[in-house]
Amino acid sequence: MSLRYKTAIVGASETSQLGVIPDMSETQLHIDAAMNAIADAGIDASQIDGISATMNPAILAHYMGIVPKWVDNTQVGGTSFLIHMRHAAAAIASGLATTILCTMGQSGRSRVGVGGVRIGTAGASSGPRYDGSYPGQFESIYGVLGPTTMFGLGVLRYMKETGTTIEQLASVAVAQRKWSNKVPRAMFKDLVTVEDVLNSRMICYPYRLFMCCPVTDGGGAFILTSADRVDDYPTKPVYVLGTGESVETAAVSQMYDMTTSAAFKTSSAKAFEEAQVSHDDIDHVQIYDAFAHLPIYGLEDLGFVGRGEAGAFIEEGNTSPGGKLPLNTNGGGLSYTHTGMYGMFAMQESVRQVRGEAAHQVEGVKTSFCQGVGGMFMAAGSLIFTNEPPHS
């Protein structure tokens, strides 16, 4: 069953604050985002009959006084929310629910109400964190510690094979500051140069500080309903045109090829197929960017440019304001915000651009492609949104 034009987003919002929020737990961040999205949709919580979230949906439902007909708690890292959206669209299209709330909240910076130990971290004197997970058993024993070392393995190989330069990697951060410079809620707004990026503190080669995401607090939420009900809501509908999802491996060292994402290719191809559009039809792109290499991998694996071409494409200004393919127009995870799982914020910016409500709006956006990644290329989710009604 194709999900093309079966559903539409009629409510979308983030938490009232972003950045450092020490007085709100993760549950409260979920609720804050949910209530803002409900208000945006102009509905009452009692009208919601489906819930998806990375928190326990029973807690969310009970807090809000909802007894849902459908729930989803898929957890595959930062792209979970794109996959939640796809699952929610399928549920509505098949009659399992009529109005679904998708929420996200994360106290990544303040760690309020967060149980357990943060994955990939350890006290300075305790050494790597060994656990029973797949990466914990088979990667951490070799001293791999955290995303910069895990992602760095493939990036160095990619740069060697394609000739992509460190300056081109730095240009990703430069381009995205040109967008966040006009976004009031962005964590980092100052313009930077390639030299600024390369002079920032070394984290783990090839990553300098400005090539890495900040760690923040915040969240977001969506209200999804069937496309034939959009006239019942005050907001401009954002139609779900194409969807895709995939997974590859929980251990980055076990990717089929560390210089390309099989999951990206699978999920994006499915989204394009379902949407019945071509790359030339896409006006705007959001690619999850916890680190500077992700938009480079994304542009190539999604098929917007050829193998080894993305670094130069970004360096030449094609993704910057005024460029032919506006990319990560809120500043992305590198400059806007990154709570640990960024996919929700990428989706929010796609929706704002399609609605024509973004802080740094691109003129004439009709269609937006949003690509998420979970873990170290563990999972992928792809969504294509449009403001053009069916049969227009």
Protein backbone atom coordinates (compact mmCIF):
# COMPACT_ATOMS: atom_id res chain seq x y z
CA MET A 1 0.00 0.00 0.00
CA SER A 2 1.38 3.38 -0.97
CA LEU A 3 1.20 6.12 1.67
CA ARG A 4 1.36 8.88 -0.92
CA TYR A 5 -1.11 11.64 0.01
CA LYS A 6 -2.86 9.45 2.58
CA THR A 7 -1.97 11.69 5.56
CA ALA A 8 -0.99 15.23 6.48
CA ILE A 9 0.69 17.03 9.36
CA VAL A 10 -1.81 19.50 10.86
CA GLY A 11 0.09 20.40 14.02
CA ALA A 12 3.81 20.85 14.61
CA SER A 13 5.85 22.50 17.31
CA GLU A 14 8.98 22.27 19.44
CA THR A 15 9.41 22.79 23.16
CA SER A 16 8.96 26.35 24.39
CA GLN A 17 12.70 26.52 25.05
CA LEU A 18 15.75 24.96 23.41
CA GLY A 19 19.33 24.75 24.64
CA VAL A 20 19.88 24.39 28.37
CA ILE A 21 16.67 23.57 30.30
CA PRO A 22 17.69 22.39 33.80
CA ASP A 23 14.21 22.63 35.31
CA MET A 24 12.42 20.16 33.01
CA SER A 25 12.70 16.36 32.89
CA GLU A 26 12.54 14.37 29.67
CA THR A 27 8.89 13.54 30.40
CA GLN A 28 8.11 17.24 30.83
CA LEU A 29 9.88 18.05 27.57
CA HIS A 30 7.71 15.48 25.78
CA ILE A 31 4.57 16.99 27.32
CA ASP A 32 5.58 20.58 26.58
CA ALA A 33 6.20 19.74 22.93
CA ALA A 34 2.97 17.73 22.73
CA MET A 35 0.81 20.51 24.16
CA ASN A 36 2.38 23.05 21.81
CA ALA A 37 1.65 20.84 18.80
CA ILE A 38 -1.91 20.24 20.00
CA ALA A 39 -2.41 23.99 20.35
CA ASP A 40 -0.97 24.52 16.88
CA ALA A 41 -3.48 22.03 15.45
CA GLY A 42 -6.33 23.71 17.31
CA ILE A 43 -7.62 20.48 18.83
CA ASP A 44 -8.19 18.97 22.25
CA ALA A 45 -6.07 16.10 23.57
CA SER A 46 -9.22 13.94 23.72
CA GLN A 47 -9.27 13.85 19.92
CA ILE A 48 -5.96 11.96 19.80
CA ASP A 49 -6.34 8.18 19.44
CA GLY A 50 -2.76 7.20 18.59
CA ILE A 51 0.63 7.88 20.21
CA SER A 52 4.23 7.33 19.18
CA ALA A 53 7.26 8.32 21.24
CA THR A 54 10.68 7.11 22.30
CA MET A 55 9.57 7.41 25.93
CA ASN A 56 7.20 4.85 27.40
CA PRO A 57 3.92 5.59 25.57
CA ALA A 58 1.95 4.45 28.59
CA ILE A 59 3.43 7.26 30.67
CA LEU A 60 2.69 9.81 27.96
CA ALA A 61 -0.87 8.57 27.42
CA HIS A 62 -1.66 8.49 31.14
CA TYR A 63 -0.22 11.96 31.73
CA MET A 64 -2.38 13.38 28.95
CA GLY A 65 -5.53 11.45 29.84
CA ILE A 66 -5.60 9.51 26.58
CA VAL A 67 -6.45 5.83 26.05
CA PRO A 68 -5.06 5.29 22.53
CA LYS A 69 -6.08 2.72 19.94
CA TRP A 70 -2.53 2.54 18.53
CA VAL A 71 0.99 3.03 19.93
CA ASP A 72 4.55 2.88 18.62
CA ASN A 73 7.79 2.86 20.61
CA THR A 74 10.31 2.06 17.85
CA GLN A 75 13.77 3.03 19.08
CA VAL A 76 16.62 3.11 16.58
CA GLY A 77 18.38 6.28 17.65
CA GLY A 78 17.96 9.75 16.21
CA THR A 79 15.94 8.72 13.17
CA SER A 80 13.26 7.02 15.29
CA PHE A 81 10.87 9.93 14.83
CA LEU A 82 10.98 9.78 11.03
CA ILE A 83 10.14 6.10 11.27
CA HIS A 84 7.39 6.89 13.79
CA MET A 85 5.90 9.24 11.22
CA ARG A 86 5.96 6.52 8.58
CA HIS A 87 4.36 3.99 10.93
CA ALA A 88 1.74 6.54 11.98
CA ALA A 89 0.89 7.29 8.35
CA ALA A 90 0.46 3.57 7.71
CA ALA A 91 -1.73 3.19 10.79
CA ILE A 92 -4.03 6.02 9.72
CA ALA A 93 -4.17 4.79 6.13
CA SER A 94 -5.21 1.33 7.33
CA GLY A 95 -7.85 2.61 9.75
CA LEU A 96 -6.06 1.80 13.02
CA ALA A 97 -6.27 5.42 14.22
CA THR A 98 -7.51 8.80 13.01
CA THR A 99 -5.32 11.37 14.82
CA ILE A 100 -1.81 10.48 15.99
CA LEU A 101 0.54 12.40 18.25
CA CYS A 102 4.28 11.87 17.69
CA THR A 103 6.47 13.31 20.46
CA MET A 104 10.12 13.65 21.39
CA GLY A 105 11.87 15.13 24.43
CA GLN A 106 15.47 14.77 25.55
CA SER A 107 17.47 16.26 28.40
CA GLY A 108 20.75 15.64 26.64
CA ARG A 109 22.57 18.55 28.27
CA SER A 110 21.03 18.81 31.74
CA ARG A 111 20.35 15.06 32.17
CA VAL A 112 17.17 15.66 34.19
CA GLY A 113 15.13 12.51 34.68
CA VAL A 114 17.56 10.43 32.63
CA GLY A 115 18.27 6.97 33.99
CA GLY A 116 21.41 4.89 33.53
CA VAL A 117 24.77 5.84 32.06
CA ARG A 118 25.17 7.73 28.83
CA ILE A 119 26.31 5.34 26.11
CA GLY A 120 29.89 5.84 25.03
CA THR A 121 30.98 7.81 28.08
CA ALA A 122 32.94 6.96 31.17
CA GLY A 123 34.77 8.71 33.97
CA ALA A 124 38.23 9.93 33.09
CA SER A 125 39.88 7.26 35.19
CA SER A 126 37.56 4.37 34.45
CA GLY A 127 38.53 3.67 30.84
CA PRO A 128 36.09 2.56 28.11
CA ARG A 129 32.62 1.47 29.14
CA TYR A 130 32.23 -2.26 28.49
CA ASP A 131 28.67 -3.58 28.39
CA GLY A 132 26.62 -6.36 26.87
CA SER A 133 25.60 -4.41 23.77
CA TYR A 134 26.82 -5.33 20.30
CA PRO A 135 29.26 -2.38 20.06
CA GLY A 136 30.12 -2.79 23.74
CA GLN A 137 31.30 -6.35 23.19
CA PHE A 138 32.98 -6.02 19.82
CA GLU A 139 34.16 -2.39 19.44
CA SER A 140 34.75 -0.78 22.84
CA ILE A 141 37.35 -3.41 23.73
CA TYR A 142 39.59 -1.83 21.07
CA GLY A 143 39.36 1.63 22.64
CA VAL A 144 36.59 3.02 20.44
CA LEU A 145 34.84 5.53 22.63
CA GLY A 146 31.98 7.72 21.47
CA PRO A 147 30.64 8.90 18.12
CA THR A 148 33.72 10.84 17.01
CA THR A 149 35.92 7.76 17.08
CA MET A 150 33.19 5.52 15.67
CA PHE A 151 32.24 7.84 12.79
CA GLY A 152 35.85 8.84 12.24
CA LEU A 153 36.78 5.35 11.08
CA GLY A 154 34.63 5.59 7.97
CA VAL A 155 35.20 9.28 7.30
CA LEU A 156 38.95 8.86 6.97
CA ARG A 157 38.45 5.96 4.59
CA TYR A 158 35.91 7.98 2.59
CA MET A 159 38.26 10.96 2.32
CA LYS A 160 41.11 8.72 1.15
CA GLU A 161 38.99 6.99 -1.51
CA THR A 162 37.28 10.09 -2.90
CA GLY A 163 39.90 12.80 -2.44
CA THR A 164 37.53 14.86 -0.28
CA THR A 165 39.61 17.43 1.61
CA ILE A 166 39.55 18.54 5.22
CA GLU A 167 38.62 22.01 3.96
CA GLN A 168 35.55 20.57 2.25
CA LEU A 169 34.56 18.80 5.46
CA ALA A 170 34.91 22.13 7.28
CA SER A 171 32.77 23.85 4.64
CA VAL A 172 29.71 21.93 5.90
CA ALA A 173 29.84 23.84 9.20
CA VAL A 174 30.52 27.11 7.36
CA ALA A 175 27.48 26.68 5.09
CA GLN A 176 25.13 25.86 7.93
CA ARG A 177 26.11 28.89 9.99
CA LYS A 178 25.01 30.98 7.03
CA TRP A 179 21.53 29.59 7.68
CA SER A 180 21.50 29.64 11.49
CA ASN A 181 22.77 33.23 11.43
CA LYS A 182 19.14 34.29 10.90
CA VAL A 183 17.48 31.74 13.18
CA PRO A 184 16.79 33.26 16.63
CA ARG A 185 16.40 29.88 18.37
CA ALA A 186 19.68 28.50 17.01
CA MET A 187 22.34 27.76 19.60
CA PHE A 188 25.15 29.05 17.36
CA LYS A 189 24.52 32.03 15.07
CA ASP A 190 27.92 33.62 14.47
CA LEU A 191 29.27 33.22 10.95
CA VAL A 192 32.47 31.18 10.68
CA THR A 193 35.10 30.58 7.99
CA VAL A 194 36.88 27.41 6.96
CA GLU A 195 39.90 28.74 8.85
CA ASP A 196 37.79 29.22 12.00
CA VAL A 197 36.60 25.62 11.79
CA LEU A 198 40.10 24.24 11.23
CA ASN A 199 41.46 26.35 14.09
CA SER A 200 38.82 25.15 16.55
CA ARG A 201 39.84 22.58 19.14
CA MET A 202 40.75 19.10 17.92
CA ILE A 203 38.30 16.48 19.17
CA CYS A 204 39.23 13.33 17.25
CA TYR A 205 40.84 13.53 13.81
CA PRO A 206 39.47 14.61 11.42
CA TYR A 207 36.85 16.27 13.62
CA ARG A 208 37.45 19.73 15.02
CA LEU A 209 35.03 21.21 17.55
CA PHE A 210 32.97 23.13 14.97
CA MET A 211 32.48 19.91 13.00
CA CYS A 212 30.69 18.36 16.00
CA CYS A 213 27.19 18.98 17.30
CA PRO A 214 26.49 20.67 20.63
CA VAL A 215 24.62 18.77 23.34
CA THR A 216 21.35 20.45 24.28
CA ASP A 217 17.91 19.97 25.85
CA GLY A 218 14.60 20.18 23.98
CA GLY A 219 11.95 18.34 22.04
CA GLY A 220 9.22 18.48 19.42
CA ALA A 221 5.91 16.96 18.40
CA PHE A 222 3.59 16.45 15.44
CA ILE A 223 -0.11 15.84 14.93
CA LEU A 224 -0.86 13.59 11.95
CA THR A 225 -4.29 12.88 10.48
CA SER A 226 -5.83 11.60 7.25
CA ALA A 227 -5.52 13.87 4.22
CA ASP A 228 -9.27 14.06 3.75
CA ARG A 229 -9.65 15.80 7.13
CA VAL A 230 -7.24 18.71 6.62
CA ASP A 231 -10.04 21.26 6.19
CA ASP A 232 -11.04 20.67 9.82
CA TYR A 233 -7.81 22.31 11.05
CA PRO A 234 -6.64 25.94 11.02
CA THR A 235 -3.08 25.20 9.92
CA LYS A 236 -1.69 24.86 6.40
CA PRO A 237 -1.52 21.08 5.81
CA VAL A 238 1.81 19.43 5.07
CA TYR A 239 1.15 16.25 3.10
CA VAL A 240 3.27 13.13 3.54
CA LEU A 241 4.28 12.32 -0.01
CA GLY A 242 6.92 9.59 0.38
CA THR A 243 8.35 7.45 3.17
CA GLY A 244 11.15 4.96 3.70
CA GLU A 245 13.05 3.20 6.48
CA SER A 246 15.91 0.76 6.90
CA VAL A 247 18.59 -0.55 9.27
CA GLU A 248 22.12 -1.79 8.62
CA THR A 249 24.20 -2.64 11.71
CA ALA A 250 24.51 -1.55 15.33
CA ALA A 251 28.32 -1.68 15.07
CA VAL A 252 29.83 0.87 12.69
CA SER A 253 32.83 -1.39 12.05
CA GLN A 254 30.46 -3.95 10.53
CA MET A 255 28.97 -1.72 7.82
CA TYR A 256 28.98 -3.29 4.39
CA ASP A 257 31.08 -0.32 3.26
CA MET A 258 32.09 2.35 5.77
CA THR A 259 32.18 5.02 3.05
CA THR A 260 28.48 4.78 2.21
CA SER A 261 25.23 3.97 4.02
CA ALA A 262 23.23 1.03 2.71
CA ALA A 263 20.35 2.10 4.95
CA PHE A 264 20.36 5.63 3.50
CA LYS A 265 20.18 4.24 -0.02
CA THR A 266 17.37 1.83 0.82
CA SER A 267 15.16 4.25 2.74
CA SER A 268 15.59 7.17 0.34
CA ALA A 269 14.96 5.06 -2.76
CA LYS A 270 11.70 3.86 -1.24
CA ALA A 271 10.66 7.42 -0.39
CA PHE A 272 11.31 8.64 -3.93
CA GLU A 273 9.48 5.66 -5.38
CA GLU A 274 6.44 6.23 -3.21
CA ALA A 275 6.39 10.01 -3.71
CA GLN A 276 6.61 9.66 -7.51
CA VAL A 277 8.99 12.62 -7.72
CA SER A 278 12.56 13.06 -8.94
CA HIS A 279 15.53 14.76 -7.33
CA ASP A 280 14.86 17.82 -9.48
CA ASP A 281 11.43 18.15 -7.86
CA ILE A 282 12.94 18.64 -4.38
CA ASP A 283 13.18 22.30 -3.29
CA HIS A 284 14.67 21.81 0.15
CA VAL A 285 16.63 19.13 2.03
CA GLN A 286 17.24 18.33 5.69
CA ILE A 287 19.96 15.73 6.40
CA TYR A 288 20.67 14.71 9.98
CA ASP A 289 24.06 16.17 10.84
CA ALA A 290 25.42 15.30 14.24
CA PHE A 291 28.83 15.60 12.57
CA ALA A 292 30.02 17.38 9.45
CA HIS A 293 30.39 14.29 7.26
CA LEU A 294 26.72 13.28 7.43
CA PRO A 295 25.42 15.80 4.84
CA ILE A 296 28.24 14.66 2.54
CA TYR A 297 27.26 11.00 2.86
CA GLY A 298 23.60 11.96 2.61
CA LEU A 299 23.82 13.99 -0.58
CA GLU A 300 25.59 11.11 -2.30
CA ASP A 301 23.59 8.18 -0.89
CA LEU A 302 20.29 9.96 -1.55
CA GLY A 303 21.39 10.50 -5.14
CA PHE A 304 21.55 14.30 -5.28
CA VAL A 305 25.21 14.20 -6.39
CA GLY A 306 27.62 11.51 -7.57
CA ARG A 307 30.20 9.55 -5.63
CA GLY A 308 32.89 11.83 -4.18
CA GLU A 309 31.17 15.04 -5.37
CA ALA A 310 29.38 16.21 -2.22
CA GLY A 311 32.34 17.92 -0.54
CA ALA A 312 32.99 20.18 -3.51
CA PHE A 313 29.24 20.70 -4.01
CA ILE A 314 28.92 22.15 -0.51
CA GLU A 315 32.22 24.03 -0.69
CA GLU A 316 31.03 25.80 -3.85
CA GLY A 317 27.98 27.20 -2.03
CA ASN A 318 25.27 25.06 -3.59
CA THR A 319 23.69 24.28 -0.20
CA SER A 320 24.14 27.77 1.27
CA PRO A 321 21.59 30.62 1.10
CA GLY A 322 21.06 31.40 -2.58
CA GLY A 323 22.35 27.97 -3.64
CA LYS A 324 20.48 25.58 -5.88
CA LEU A 325 19.83 22.98 -3.14
CA PRO A 326 19.09 24.62 0.25
CA LEU A 327 20.28 22.22 2.95
CA ASN A 328 19.80 22.21 6.74
CA THR A 329 18.26 25.66 6.73
CA ASN A 330 17.84 25.90 10.50
CA GLY A 331 21.61 25.40 10.91
CA GLY A 332 21.24 21.67 11.46
CA GLY A 333 22.50 19.67 14.38
CA LEU A 334 25.82 21.50 14.13
CA SER A 335 24.35 24.94 14.85
CA TYR A 336 20.61 24.79 15.66
CA THR A 337 20.34 22.21 18.42
CA HIS A 338 21.20 18.58 19.10
CA THR A 339 19.76 16.89 22.16
CA GLY A 340 21.32 13.53 21.29
CA MET A 341 18.60 12.52 18.83
CA TYR A 342 18.18 15.20 16.18
CA GLY A 343 15.66 13.70 13.75
CA MET A 344 12.65 15.48 15.24
CA PHE A 345 14.25 18.89 14.70
CA ALA A 346 15.11 18.09 11.09
CA MET A 347 11.46 17.16 10.49
CA GLN A 348 10.25 20.35 12.19
CA GLU A 349 12.38 22.49 9.87
CA SER A 350 11.11 20.62 6.80
CA VAL A 351 7.55 21.33 7.92
CA ARG A 352 8.29 25.00 8.62
CA GLN A 353 9.84 25.44 5.17
CA VAL A 354 6.91 23.74 3.44
CA ARG A 355 4.49 25.87 5.45
CA GLY A 356 6.45 29.01 4.58
CA GLU A 357 7.01 29.78 8.28
CA ALA A 358 10.75 29.16 8.75
CA ALA A 359 12.97 31.75 10.41
CA HIS A 360 15.32 31.63 7.41
CA GLN A 361 12.73 30.85 4.78
CA VAL A 362 13.63 29.64 1.30
CA GLU A 363 11.43 31.22 -1.32
CA GLY A 364 9.03 28.95 -3.17
CA VAL A 365 9.48 25.70 -1.24
CA LYS A 366 6.85 23.19 -2.32
CA THR A 367 8.63 19.92 -1.53
CA SER A 368 11.13 18.99 1.18
CA PHE A 369 13.18 15.84 1.65
CA CYS A 370 14.09 14.93 5.24
CA GLN A 371 16.72 12.25 5.94
CA GLY A 372 17.50 10.84 9.37
CA VAL A 373 20.23 8.60 10.72
CA GLY A 374 20.17 6.52 13.89
CA GLY A 375 23.30 5.48 15.76
CA MET A 376 26.50 5.20 13.73
CA PHE A 377 24.67 4.54 10.43
CA MET A 378 22.63 1.90 12.29
CA ALA A 379 19.29 3.05 10.88
CA ALA A 380 17.76 5.46 8.38
CA GLY A 381 14.41 7.12 7.86
CA SER A 382 13.34 9.17 4.84
CA LEU A 383 10.32 11.44 4.39
CA ILE A 384 9.16 13.67 1.55
CA PHE A 385 6.73 16.46 2.43
CA THR A 386 4.76 18.81 0.19
CA ASN A 387 2.27 21.67 0.46
CA GLU A 388 0.73 20.90 -2.91
CA PRO A 389 -2.66 19.22 -2.47
CA PRO A 390 -3.42 16.01 -4.37
CA HIS A 391 -4.54 16.41 -7.99
CA SER A 392 -3.36 20.05 -8.05
